[in-house]
Amino acid sequence: MSTAILDSDRGTGPKPLTEGKPPLGIMIGLWGFVIVPFVALLVAVPVAWGGWLHWPDIAIATAWYLVSGLGVTVGFHRYFTHGSFKAKRWLRVTLAVAGSFSVQGSIIQWVADHRRHHAFSDQEGDPHSPWRFGESVSGLAKGLFHAHVGWLFRRELSNRDRFAPDLMADKHIRRVDNLFPLLVVISTVGPAVMGGLITWSWQGALTAFFWAGLVRIALLHHVTWAINSVCHVYGERPFEVRQGDRAANFWPLAVLSMGESWHNLHHADPTSARHGVLRGQIDMSARVIWLLEKTGAAYNVRWPKPERIAAKLAKPADVG
């Protein structure tokens, strides 16, 4: 989707901004898949200290983190939301499924929410701006919690017909969207099955379920949500963005977020396939897109041009 489409939807379209509050069943599921993995994340250290962390758990958790994480960063975000490249049909469906394994919501709703965020970034209408309660210490603390996770529990759903009509019209993506509950089950139970088969034991299945299922989901949740919260409050802003937009770079999250925390450039140039454009900025997602382009699965990639990047810089810097 181009920025032109986003701009045309900025409060002037005939369709309403939201569709109403989520159904009760969705809210119950949301509470379960936010709270339970988070509790697992909290108890992860003492459990590991007690000897319930093994190499198969680490390997399985790493594999699922990469698949589901790249499904979000390369698939849900750079491809489906912003159209940073075009993809063969099999890759399109694969990215939709992989992103769904992150348990961050169904693909069409995720994309609709994020396109709405870009249309109204840190302004009225942004579903998760940390600045909505003001700039005082208490207001910003409340805003950070809201942007990180609070918005999920008190939101109205972004209008999918307005913000994601292209995905609503795609029968394959609608099918993946409808299969989201099943993909959640696979994402949580799949690691346990793998752990059980690798170790041929119930203990191996249980520890893999804990580490590669619950802890992995929770870690990826909070890394992704930190882009909404931390990366709109703290960090460097070397690039010019729209007035009122507070998107910033937060380097400590660069590896875990697979390049998403180079958030300032992303808001300056949303369709760019690469977010870490300055020297030394690691962007794993861009490297994956590069590899997909080499195989022919991805094409028409919107790589950043040095002259375009230089024109957007607020101050001189090295373009990598």
C-alpha atoms as a PDB file:
ATOM      1  CA  MET A   1       0.000   0.000   0.000  1.00  0.00           C
ATOM      2  CA  SER A   2       1.385   3.404  -0.904  1.00  0.00           C
ATOM      3  CA  THR A   3       1.569   6.467   1.311  1.00  0.00           C
ATOM      4  CA  ALA A   4      -0.790   8.159  -1.158  1.00  0.00           C
ATOM      5  CA  ILE A   5      -3.516   5.693  -0.208  1.00  0.00           C
ATOM      6  CA  LEU A   6      -2.826   6.306   3.460  1.00  0.00           C
ATOM      7  CA  ASP A   7      -3.042  10.078   2.989  1.00  0.00           C
ATOM      8  CA  SER A   8      -6.291   9.827   1.074  1.00  0.00           C
ATOM      9  CA  ASP A   9      -7.789   7.981   4.026  1.00  0.00           C
ATOM     10  CA  ARG A  10      -6.736  10.627   6.543  1.00  0.00           C
ATOM     11  CA  GLY A  11     -10.119  11.428   8.054  1.00  0.00           C
ATOM     12  CA  THR A  12     -11.786  12.304   4.717  1.00  0.00           C
ATOM     13  CA  GLY A  13     -13.050   8.929   3.504  1.00  0.00           C
ATOM     14  CA  PRO A  14     -16.720   7.961   3.649  1.00  0.00           C
ATOM     15  CA  LYS A  15     -16.064   4.953   5.886  1.00  0.00           C
ATOM     16  CA  PRO A  16     -15.850   5.433   9.678  1.00  0.00           C
ATOM     17  CA  LEU A  17     -12.500   5.227  11.436  1.00  0.00           C
ATOM     18  CA  THR A  18     -13.452   2.281  13.647  1.00  0.00           C
ATOM     19  CA  GLU A  19     -15.853  -0.685  13.684  1.00  0.00           C
ATOM     20  CA  GLY A  20     -16.706  -0.748  17.381  1.00  0.00           C
ATOM     21  CA  LYS A  21     -15.348  -2.682  20.315  1.00  0.00           C
ATOM     22  CA  PRO A  22     -14.085  -6.282  19.967  1.00  0.00           C
ATOM     23  CA  PRO A  23     -16.548  -9.087  20.819  1.00  0.00           C
ATOM     24  CA  LEU A  24     -16.366 -10.611  24.313  1.00  0.00           C
ATOM     25  CA  GLY A  25     -14.811 -13.834  23.013  1.00  0.00           C
ATOM     26  CA  ILE A  26     -11.962 -11.925  21.398  1.00  0.00           C
ATOM     27  CA  MET A  27     -11.364  -9.945  24.603  1.00  0.00           C
ATOM     28  CA  ILE A  28     -11.220 -13.151  26.665  1.00  0.00           C
ATOM     29  CA  GLY A  29      -8.731 -14.634  24.228  1.00  0.00           C
ATOM     30  CA  LEU A  30      -6.731 -11.398  24.251  1.00  0.00           C
ATOM     31  CA  TRP A  31      -6.435 -11.440  28.038  1.00  0.00           C
ATOM     32  CA  GLY A  32      -5.308 -15.053  27.906  1.00  0.00           C
ATOM     33  CA  PHE A  33      -2.655 -14.588  25.236  1.00  0.00           C
ATOM     34  CA  VAL A  34      -1.267 -11.410  26.787  1.00  0.00           C
ATOM     35  CA  ILE A  35      -1.280 -12.321  30.473  1.00  0.00           C
ATOM     36  CA  VAL A  36      -0.290 -16.018  30.384  1.00  0.00           C
ATOM     37  CA  PRO A  37       2.856 -15.590  28.219  1.00  0.00           C
ATOM     38  CA  PHE A  38       3.797 -12.506  30.264  1.00  0.00           C
ATOM     39  CA  VAL A  39       3.606 -14.500  33.513  1.00  0.00           C
ATOM     40  CA  ALA A  40       5.765 -17.168  31.855  1.00  0.00           C
ATOM     41  CA  LEU A  41       8.294 -14.482  30.940  1.00  0.00           C
ATOM     42  CA  LEU A  42       8.415 -13.302  34.558  1.00  0.00           C
ATOM     43  CA  VAL A  43       9.128 -16.781  35.913  1.00  0.00           C
ATOM     44  CA  ALA A  44      11.565 -17.694  33.134  1.00  0.00           C
ATOM     45  CA  VAL A  45      14.738 -16.823  35.069  1.00  0.00           C
ATOM     46  CA  PRO A  46      14.038 -18.907  38.188  1.00  0.00           C
ATOM     47  CA  VAL A  47      12.838 -21.780  35.996  1.00  0.00           C
ATOM     48  CA  ALA A  48      16.066 -21.646  33.965  1.00  0.00           C
ATOM     49  CA  TRP A  49      18.083 -21.458  37.186  1.00  0.00           C
ATOM     50  CA  GLY A  50      16.290 -24.595  38.361  1.00  0.00           C
ATOM     51  CA  GLY A  51      17.627 -26.572  35.418  1.00  0.00           C
ATOM     52  CA  TRP A  52      14.522 -26.533  33.216  1.00  0.00           C
ATOM     53  CA  LEU A  53      16.235 -24.936  30.229  1.00  0.00           C
ATOM     54  CA  HIS A  54      18.028 -27.180  27.738  1.00  0.00           C
ATOM     55  CA  TRP A  55      19.708 -26.742  24.358  1.00  0.00           C
ATOM     56  CA  PRO A  56      16.734 -28.160  22.409  1.00  0.00           C
ATOM     57  CA  ASP A  57      14.516 -25.531  24.091  1.00  0.00           C
ATOM     58  CA  ILE A  58      16.884 -22.747  23.025  1.00  0.00           C
ATOM     59  CA  ALA A  59      17.094 -24.050  19.460  1.00  0.00           C
ATOM     60  CA  ILE A  60      13.320 -24.475  19.085  1.00  0.00           C
ATOM     61  CA  ALA A  61      12.586 -21.096  20.698  1.00  0.00           C
ATOM     62  CA  THR A  62      15.107 -19.344  18.437  1.00  0.00           C
ATOM     63  CA  ALA A  63      13.613 -20.947  15.318  1.00  0.00           C
ATOM     64  CA  TRP A  64      10.047 -19.991  16.270  1.00  0.00           C
ATOM     65  CA  TYR A  65      11.126 -16.468  17.283  1.00  0.00           C
ATOM     66  CA  LEU A  66      12.786 -15.917  13.901  1.00  0.00           C
ATOM     67  CA  VAL A  67       9.891 -17.357  11.882  1.00  0.00           C
ATOM     68  CA  SER A  68       7.142 -15.512  13.755  1.00  0.00           C
ATOM     69  CA  GLY A  69       9.215 -12.343  14.228  1.00  0.00           C
ATOM     70  CA  LEU A  70      10.167 -12.066  10.558  1.00  0.00           C
ATOM     71  CA  GLY A  71       6.570 -12.904   9.681  1.00  0.00           C
ATOM     72  CA  VAL A  72       5.631  -9.688  11.490  1.00  0.00           C
ATOM     73  CA  THR A  73       8.511  -7.431  10.427  1.00  0.00           C
ATOM     74  CA  VAL A  74       8.951  -8.553   6.825  1.00  0.00           C
ATOM     75  CA  GLY A  75       5.381  -9.764   6.269  1.00  0.00           C
ATOM     76  CA  PHE A  76       2.740  -7.941   8.316  1.00  0.00           C
ATOM     77  CA  HIS A  77       4.696  -4.676   8.474  1.00  0.00           C
ATOM     78  CA  ARG A  78       6.954  -3.986   5.509  1.00  0.00           C
ATOM     79  CA  TYR A  79       5.058  -6.030   2.922  1.00  0.00           C
ATOM     80  CA  PHE A  80       1.356  -6.096   3.774  1.00  0.00           C
ATOM     81  CA  THR A  81       1.082  -2.705   5.515  1.00  0.00           C
ATOM     82  CA  HIS A  82       3.466  -0.600   3.450  1.00  0.00           C
ATOM     83  CA  GLY A  83       4.051  -2.449   0.182  1.00  0.00           C
ATOM     84  CA  SER A  84       7.847  -2.257   0.449  1.00  0.00           C
ATOM     85  CA  PHE A  85       8.094  -5.012  -2.152  1.00  0.00           C
ATOM     86  CA  LYS A  86       5.957  -7.320  -4.259  1.00  0.00           C
ATOM     87  CA  ALA A  87       5.847 -11.064  -3.603  1.00  0.00           C
ATOM     88  CA  LYS A  88       4.970 -14.262  -5.397  1.00  0.00           C
ATOM     89  CA  ARG A  89       1.673 -15.735  -4.214  1.00  0.00           C
ATOM     90  CA  TRP A  90       3.293 -18.555  -2.219  1.00  0.00           C
ATOM     91  CA  LEU A  91       5.504 -16.072  -0.370  1.00  0.00           C
ATOM     92  CA  ARG A  92       2.515 -13.793   0.289  1.00  0.00           C
ATOM     93  CA  VAL A  93       0.604 -16.606   1.974  1.00  0.00           C
ATOM     94  CA  THR A  94       3.711 -17.871   3.816  1.00  0.00           C
ATOM     95  CA  LEU A  95       4.376 -14.417   5.286  1.00  0.00           C
ATOM     96  CA  ALA A  96       0.738 -14.117   6.373  1.00  0.00           C
ATOM     97  CA  VAL A  97       0.902 -17.469   8.168  1.00  0.00           C
ATOM     98  CA  ALA A  98       4.321 -16.784   9.729  1.00  0.00           C
ATOM     99  CA  GLY A  99       3.180 -13.399  11.046  1.00  0.00           C
ATOM    100  CA  SER A 100       0.068 -14.979  12.534  1.00  0.00           C
ATOM    101  CA  PHE A 101       2.353 -17.267  14.578  1.00  0.00           C
ATOM    102  CA  SER A 102       3.385 -14.163  16.553  1.00  0.00           C
ATOM    103  CA  VAL A 103      -0.101 -14.167  18.165  1.00  0.00           C
ATOM    104  CA  GLN A 104      -0.414 -10.401  17.750  1.00  0.00           C
ATOM    105  CA  GLY A 105      -3.819 -10.531  16.120  1.00  0.00           C
ATOM    106  CA  SER A 106      -5.211 -11.602  12.764  1.00  0.00           C
ATOM    107  CA  ILE A 107      -3.405 -10.227   9.740  1.00  0.00           C
ATOM    108  CA  ILE A 108      -6.109  -7.917   8.380  1.00  0.00           C
ATOM    109  CA  GLN A 109      -6.806  -6.314  11.762  1.00  0.00           C
ATOM    110  CA  TRP A 110      -3.062  -5.916  12.444  1.00  0.00           C
ATOM    111  CA  VAL A 111      -2.557  -4.150   9.114  1.00  0.00           C
ATOM    112  CA  ALA A 112      -5.647  -1.948   9.542  1.00  0.00           C
ATOM    113  CA  ASP A 113      -4.467  -0.834  12.990  1.00  0.00           C
ATOM    114  CA  HIS A 114      -0.972  -0.057  11.735  1.00  0.00           C
ATOM    115  CA  ARG A 115      -2.091   1.860   8.662  1.00  0.00           C
ATOM    116  CA  ARG A 116      -4.344   3.918  10.923  1.00  0.00           C
ATOM    117  CA  HIS A 117      -1.348   4.554  13.198  1.00  0.00           C
ATOM    118  CA  HIS A 118       0.626   5.969  10.258  1.00  0.00           C
ATOM    119  CA  ALA A 119      -2.287   8.048   9.020  1.00  0.00           C
ATOM    120  CA  PHE A 120      -2.595   9.778  12.409  1.00  0.00           C
ATOM    121  CA  SER A 121       0.805   9.209  14.034  1.00  0.00           C
ATOM    122  CA  ASP A 122       0.847  10.755  17.532  1.00  0.00           C
ATOM    123  CA  GLN A 123      -2.260  12.754  16.666  1.00  0.00           C
ATOM    124  CA  GLU A 124      -5.963  12.337  17.395  1.00  0.00           C
ATOM    125  CA  GLY A 125      -6.943   9.028  15.781  1.00  0.00           C
ATOM    126  CA  ASP A 126      -3.682   7.188  16.439  1.00  0.00           C
ATOM    127  CA  PRO A 127      -4.731   3.974  18.233  1.00  0.00           C
ATOM    128  CA  HIS A 128      -1.602   3.767  20.395  1.00  0.00           C
ATOM    129  CA  SER A 129       0.219   7.072  20.772  1.00  0.00           C
ATOM    130  CA  PRO A 130       2.077   7.431  24.109  1.00  0.00           C
ATOM    131  CA  TRP A 131       1.422  11.196  24.032  1.00  0.00           C
ATOM    132  CA  ARG A 132      -2.372  11.086  24.247  1.00  0.00           C
ATOM    133  CA  PHE A 133      -2.396  11.924  27.990  1.00  0.00           C
ATOM    134  CA  GLY A 134      -0.045  14.897  27.776  1.00  0.00           C
ATOM    135  CA  GLU A 135       3.646  15.525  28.412  1.00  0.00           C
ATOM    136  CA  SER A 136       3.681  15.622  32.216  1.00  0.00           C
ATOM    137  CA  VAL A 137       5.506  12.847  34.058  1.00  0.00           C
ATOM    138  CA  SER A 138       2.265  11.175  35.113  1.00  0.00           C
ATOM    139  CA  GLY A 139       0.670  11.708  31.699  1.00  0.00           C
ATOM    140  CA  LEU A 140       3.642  10.248  29.877  1.00  0.00           C
ATOM    141  CA  ALA A 141       3.828   7.254  32.242  1.00  0.00           C
ATOM    142  CA  LYS A 142       0.153   6.591  31.584  1.00  0.00           C
ATOM    143  CA  GLY A 143       0.728   7.115  27.871  1.00  0.00           C
ATOM    144  CA  LEU A 144       3.636   4.692  27.721  1.00  0.00           C
ATOM    145  CA  PHE A 145       1.519   1.966  29.317  1.00  0.00           C
ATOM    146  CA  HIS A 146      -1.328   2.762  26.937  1.00  0.00           C
ATOM    147  CA  ALA A 147       0.933   2.634  23.858  1.00  0.00           C
ATOM    148  CA  HIS A 148       2.670  -0.539  24.990  1.00  0.00           C
ATOM    149  CA  VAL A 149      -0.291  -2.744  25.856  1.00  0.00           C
ATOM    150  CA  GLY A 150      -3.173  -0.770  27.392  1.00  0.00           C
ATOM    151  CA  TRP A 151      -4.660   0.230  24.039  1.00  0.00           C
ATOM    152  CA  LEU A 152      -5.397  -3.413  23.251  1.00  0.00           C
ATOM    153  CA  PHE A 153      -7.906  -3.636  26.110  1.00  0.00           C
ATOM    154  CA  ARG A 154      -9.808  -0.392  25.594  1.00  0.00           C
ATOM    155  CA  ARG A 155      -9.737   0.079  21.848  1.00  0.00           C
ATOM    156  CA  GLU A 156     -12.271   0.219  19.089  1.00  0.00           C
ATOM    157  CA  LEU A 157     -11.252  -1.902  16.125  1.00  0.00           C
ATOM    158  CA  SER A 158      -9.822   0.006  13.158  1.00  0.00           C
ATOM    159  CA  ASN A 159     -12.173  -0.171  10.192  1.00  0.00           C
ATOM    160  CA  ARG A 160     -10.768  -2.920   7.984  1.00  0.00           C
ATOM    161  CA  ASP A 161     -12.805  -1.868   4.914  1.00  0.00           C
ATOM    162  CA  ARG A 162     -11.298   1.597   5.180  1.00  0.00           C
ATOM    163  CA  PHE A 163      -7.691   0.807   6.070  1.00  0.00           C
ATOM    164  CA  ALA A 164      -7.171  -2.621   4.488  1.00  0.00           C
ATOM    165  CA  PRO A 165      -9.542  -2.953   1.507  1.00  0.00           C
ATOM    166  CA  ASP A 166      -6.824  -4.664  -0.552  1.00  0.00           C
ATOM    167  CA  LEU A 167      -6.504  -7.476   1.976  1.00  0.00           C
ATOM    168  CA  MET A 168     -10.252  -7.770   2.436  1.00  0.00           C
ATOM    169  CA  ALA A 169     -10.503  -8.364  -1.322  1.00  0.00           C
ATOM    170  CA  ASP A 170      -7.843 -11.105  -1.314  1.00  0.00           C
ATOM    171  CA  LYS A 171      -9.475 -14.505  -0.769  1.00  0.00           C
ATOM    172  CA  HIS A 172      -6.201 -16.173   0.254  1.00  0.00           C
ATOM    173  CA  ILE A 173      -5.431 -13.558   2.898  1.00  0.00           C
ATOM    174  CA  ARG A 174      -9.013 -13.635   4.175  1.00  0.00           C
ATOM    175  CA  ARG A 175      -8.635 -17.384   4.589  1.00  0.00           C
ATOM    176  CA  VAL A 176      -5.449 -16.941   6.642  1.00  0.00           C
ATOM    177  CA  ASP A 177      -7.244 -14.245   8.652  1.00  0.00           C
ATOM    178  CA  ASN A 178     -10.139 -16.626   9.388  1.00  0.00           C
ATOM    179  CA  LEU A 179      -7.695 -19.387  10.357  1.00  0.00           C
ATOM    180  CA  PHE A 180      -6.022 -17.203  12.998  1.00  0.00           C
ATOM    181  CA  PRO A 181      -7.363 -19.220  15.992  1.00  0.00           C
ATOM    182  CA  LEU A 182      -5.947 -22.433  14.508  1.00  0.00           C
ATOM    183  CA  LEU A 183      -2.602 -20.732  13.795  1.00  0.00           C
ATOM    184  CA  VAL A 184      -2.470 -19.591  17.434  1.00  0.00           C
ATOM    185  CA  VAL A 185      -2.905 -23.212  18.552  1.00  0.00           C
ATOM    186  CA  ILE A 186      -0.148 -24.341  16.188  1.00  0.00           C
ATOM    187  CA  SER A 187       2.156 -21.576  17.447  1.00  0.00           C
ATOM    188  CA  THR A 188       1.703 -22.590  21.078  1.00  0.00           C
ATOM    189  CA  VAL A 189       1.461 -26.373  20.732  1.00  0.00           C
ATOM    190  CA  GLY A 190       3.861 -26.814  17.810  1.00  0.00           C
ATOM    191  CA  PRO A 191       7.004 -26.152  19.883  1.00  0.00           C
ATOM    192  CA  ALA A 192       5.866 -28.749  22.451  1.00  0.00           C
ATOM    193  CA  VAL A 193       5.427 -31.348  19.731  1.00  0.00           C
ATOM    194  CA  MET A 194       8.887 -30.567  18.386  1.00  0.00           C
ATOM    195  CA  GLY A 195      10.432 -30.739  21.854  1.00  0.00           C
ATOM    196  CA  GLY A 196       8.761 -34.058  22.563  1.00  0.00           C
ATOM    197  CA  LEU A 197       9.907 -35.575  19.270  1.00  0.00           C
ATOM    198  CA  ILE A 198      13.482 -34.309  19.595  1.00  0.00           C
ATOM    199  CA  THR A 199      13.958 -35.487  23.194  1.00  0.00           C
ATOM    200  CA  TRP A 200      11.411 -38.316  23.027  1.00  0.00           C
ATOM    201  CA  SER A 201      10.124 -37.313  26.453  1.00  0.00           C
ATOM    202  CA  TRP A 202       7.202 -35.534  28.088  1.00  0.00           C
ATOM    203  CA  GLN A 203       9.640 -33.285  29.945  1.00  0.00           C
ATOM    204  CA  GLY A 204      11.120 -32.163  26.620  1.00  0.00           C
ATOM    205  CA  ALA A 205       7.628 -31.377  25.358  1.00  0.00           C
ATOM    206  CA  LEU A 206       6.779 -29.412  28.513  1.00  0.00           C
ATOM    207  CA  THR A 207       9.960 -27.325  28.589  1.00  0.00           C
ATOM    208  CA  ALA A 208       9.667 -26.568  24.854  1.00  0.00           C
ATOM    209  CA  PHE A 209       6.058 -25.481  25.391  1.00  0.00           C
ATOM    210  CA  PHE A 210       7.211 -23.145  28.154  1.00  0.00           C
ATOM    211  CA  TRP A 211      10.276 -21.642  26.438  1.00  0.00           C
ATOM    212  CA  ALA A 212       9.510 -21.844  22.715  1.00  0.00           C
ATOM    213  CA  GLY A 213       5.782 -21.390  23.189  1.00  0.00           C
ATOM    214  CA  LEU A 214       4.884 -19.059  26.068  1.00  0.00           C
ATOM    215  CA  VAL A 215       8.171 -17.241  26.722  1.00  0.00           C
ATOM    216  CA  ARG A 216       8.903 -16.775  23.021  1.00  0.00           C
ATOM    217  CA  ILE A 217       5.435 -15.315  22.393  1.00  0.00           C
ATOM    218  CA  ALA A 218       5.725 -12.959  25.375  1.00  0.00           C
ATOM    219  CA  LEU A 219       9.200 -11.741  24.407  1.00  0.00           C
ATOM    220  CA  LEU A 220       8.144 -11.018  20.830  1.00  0.00           C
ATOM    221  CA  HIS A 221       4.976  -9.304  22.066  1.00  0.00           C
ATOM    222  CA  HIS A 222       6.901  -6.871  24.228  1.00  0.00           C
ATOM    223  CA  VAL A 223       9.608  -6.202  21.654  1.00  0.00           C
ATOM    224  CA  THR A 224       6.920  -5.347  19.085  1.00  0.00           C
ATOM    225  CA  TRP A 225       4.906  -3.259  21.541  1.00  0.00           C
ATOM    226  CA  ALA A 226       8.070  -1.377  22.548  1.00  0.00           C
ATOM    227  CA  ILE A 227       8.182   0.011  19.000  1.00  0.00           C
ATOM    228  CA  ASN A 228       4.780   1.615  19.694  1.00  0.00           C
ATOM    229  CA  SER A 229       5.756   2.924  23.114  1.00  0.00           C
ATOM    230  CA  VAL A 230       9.509   3.395  23.640  1.00  0.00           C
ATOM    231  CA  CYS A 231      10.268   4.294  20.008  1.00  0.00           C
ATOM    232  CA  HIS A 232       7.785   7.166  20.123  1.00  0.00           C
ATOM    233  CA  VAL A 233       9.296   8.691  23.267  1.00  0.00           C
ATOM    234  CA  TYR A 234      13.009   7.919  23.607  1.00  0.00           C
ATOM    235  CA  GLY A 235      15.851   7.850  21.101  1.00  0.00           C
ATOM    236  CA  GLU A 236      17.418   9.787  18.249  1.00  0.00           C
ATOM    237  CA  ARG A 237      15.525  11.528  15.458  1.00  0.00           C
ATOM    238  CA  PRO A 238      18.002  12.151  12.628  1.00  0.00           C
ATOM    239  CA  PHE A 239      15.287  12.316   9.936  1.00  0.00           C
ATOM    240  CA  GLU A 240      12.571  14.872   9.319  1.00  0.00           C
ATOM    241  CA  VAL A 241       9.047  13.486   9.840  1.00  0.00           C
ATOM    242  CA  ARG A 242       5.570  14.961   9.692  1.00  0.00           C
ATOM    243  CA  GLN A 243       4.849  17.654  12.274  1.00  0.00           C
ATOM    244  CA  GLY A 244       3.750  16.099  15.573  1.00  0.00           C
ATOM    245  CA  ASP A 245       5.185  12.672  14.756  1.00  0.00           C
ATOM    246  CA  ARG A 246       7.574  11.585  17.568  1.00  0.00           C
ATOM    247  CA  ALA A 247       9.015   8.405  15.995  1.00  0.00           C
ATOM    248  CA  ALA A 248      12.610   7.800  17.139  1.00  0.00           C
ATOM    249  CA  ASN A 249      15.447   5.298  16.796  1.00  0.00           C
ATOM    250  CA  PHE A 250      16.152   3.124  19.854  1.00  0.00           C
ATOM    251  CA  TRP A 251      19.305   1.136  19.147  1.00  0.00           C
ATOM    252  CA  PRO A 252      19.167  -1.366  22.085  1.00  0.00           C
ATOM    253  CA  LEU A 253      16.196  -3.097  20.416  1.00  0.00           C
ATOM    254  CA  ALA A 254      17.718  -3.326  16.927  1.00  0.00           C
ATOM    255  CA  VAL A 255      18.636  -7.021  17.067  1.00  0.00           C
ATOM    256  CA  LEU A 256      15.596  -8.357  18.938  1.00  0.00           C
ATOM    257  CA  SER A 257      13.233  -6.294  16.755  1.00  0.00           C
ATOM    258  CA  MET A 258      15.077  -7.363  13.583  1.00  0.00           C
ATOM    259  CA  GLY A 259      15.604  -3.759  12.519  1.00  0.00           C
ATOM    260  CA  GLU A 260      12.203  -2.339  13.444  1.00  0.00           C
ATOM    261  CA  SER A 261      13.556  -0.039  16.156  1.00  0.00           C
ATOM    262  CA  TRP A 262      15.148   2.210  13.508  1.00  0.00           C
ATOM    263  CA  HIS A 263      11.720   3.756  13.696  1.00  0.00           C
ATOM    264  CA  ASN A 264      12.521   7.367  12.820  1.00  0.00           C
ATOM    265  CA  LEU A 265      13.535   6.571   9.233  1.00  0.00           C
ATOM    266  CA  HIS A 266      10.504   4.315   8.893  1.00  0.00           C
ATOM    267  CA  HIS A 267       8.155   7.208   9.662  1.00  0.00           C
ATOM    268  CA  ALA A 268      10.153   9.514   7.399  1.00  0.00           C
ATOM    269  CA  ASP A 269       9.930   7.017   4.522  1.00  0.00           C
ATOM    270  CA  PRO A 270       7.281   4.349   5.356  1.00  0.00           C
ATOM    271  CA  THR A 271       7.541   2.333   2.134  1.00  0.00           C
ATOM    272  CA  SER A 272      11.302   1.821   2.402  1.00  0.00           C
ATOM    273  CA  ALA A 273      12.230  -1.868   2.622  1.00  0.00           C
ATOM    274  CA  ARG A 274      15.217  -0.978   4.786  1.00  0.00           C
ATOM    275  CA  HIS A 275      14.827   0.893   8.074  1.00  0.00           C
ATOM    276  CA  GLY A 276      18.426   0.885   9.297  1.00  0.00           C
ATOM    277  CA  VAL A 277      19.939   3.089   6.598  1.00  0.00           C
ATOM    278  CA  LEU A 278      22.769   4.801   8.466  1.00  0.00           C
ATOM    279  CA  ARG A 279      26.208   3.340   9.011  1.00  0.00           C
ATOM    280  CA  GLY A 280      26.269   0.591  11.651  1.00  0.00           C
ATOM    281  CA  GLN A 281      22.486   0.165  11.844  1.00  0.00           C
ATOM    282  CA  ILE A 282      21.719  -3.569  11.813  1.00  0.00           C
ATOM    283  CA  ASP A 283      18.533  -4.457   9.956  1.00  0.00           C
ATOM    284  CA  MET A 284      17.983  -8.221   9.745  1.00  0.00           C
ATOM    285  CA  SER A 285      14.582  -7.836   8.082  1.00  0.00           C
ATOM    286  CA  ALA A 286      16.098  -5.863   5.209  1.00  0.00           C
ATOM    287  CA  ARG A 287      18.698  -8.591   4.727  1.00  0.00           C
ATOM    288  CA  VAL A 288      15.949 -11.222   4.534  1.00  0.00           C
ATOM    289  CA  ILE A 289      14.110  -9.144   1.926  1.00  0.00           C
ATOM    290  CA  TRP A 290      17.392  -8.877  -0.005  1.00  0.00           C
ATOM    291  CA  LEU A 291      17.746 -12.675   0.053  1.00  0.00           C
ATOM    292  CA  LEU A 292      14.138 -13.132  -1.076  1.00  0.00           C
ATOM    293  CA  GLU A 293      14.798 -10.699  -3.916  1.00  0.00           C
ATOM    294  CA  LYS A 294      17.839 -12.723  -4.992  1.00  0.00           C
ATOM    295  CA  THR A 295      15.685 -15.862  -5.255  1.00  0.00           C
ATOM    296  CA  GLY A 296      13.004 -14.047  -7.264  1.00  0.00           C
ATOM    297  CA  ALA A 297      10.324 -14.605  -4.607  1.00  0.00           C
ATOM    298  CA  ALA A 298      10.312 -10.855  -3.865  1.00  0.00           C
ATOM    299  CA  TYR A 299      10.593  -8.196  -6.554  1.00  0.00           C
ATOM    300  CA  ASN A 300      10.101  -4.465  -7.165  1.00  0.00           C
ATOM    301  CA  VAL A 301      11.739  -3.855  -3.783  1.00  0.00           C
ATOM    302  CA  ARG A 302      11.677  -0.230  -2.628  1.00  0.00           C
ATOM    303  CA  TRP A 303      15.289   0.133  -1.525  1.00  0.00           C
ATOM    304  CA  PRO A 304      16.228   3.559  -0.118  1.00  0.00           C
ATOM    305  CA  LYS A 305      18.209   5.805  -2.447  1.00  0.00           C
ATOM    306  CA  PRO A 306      21.160   7.712  -0.915  1.00  0.00           C
ATOM    307  CA  GLU A 307      20.017  11.043  -2.344  1.00  0.00           C
ATOM    308  CA  ARG A 308      16.496  10.551  -0.932  1.00  0.00           C
ATOM    309  CA  ILE A 309      17.892   9.632   2.486  1.00  0.00           C
ATOM    310  CA  ALA A 310      20.257  12.618   2.473  1.00  0.00           C
ATOM    311  CA  ALA A 311      17.355  14.939   1.608  1.00  0.00           C
ATOM    312  CA  LYS A 312      15.388  13.701   4.633  1.00  0.00           C
ATOM    313  CA  LEU A 313      18.218  14.076   7.142  1.00  0.00           C
ATOM    314  CA  ALA A 314      17.658  16.724   9.776  1.00  0.00           C
ATOM    315  CA  LYS A 315      21.414  16.845  10.378  1.00  0.00           C
ATOM    316  CA  PRO A 316      24.452  15.385   8.576  1.00  0.00           C
ATOM    317  CA  ALA A 317      25.133  11.668   9.133  1.00  0.00           C
ATOM    318  CA  ASP A 318      26.806   8.736   7.432  1.00  0.00           C
ATOM    319  CA  VAL A 319      24.493   6.852   5.082  1.00  0.00           C
ATOM    320  CA  GLY A 320      25.380   3.146   5.181  1.00  0.00           C
END
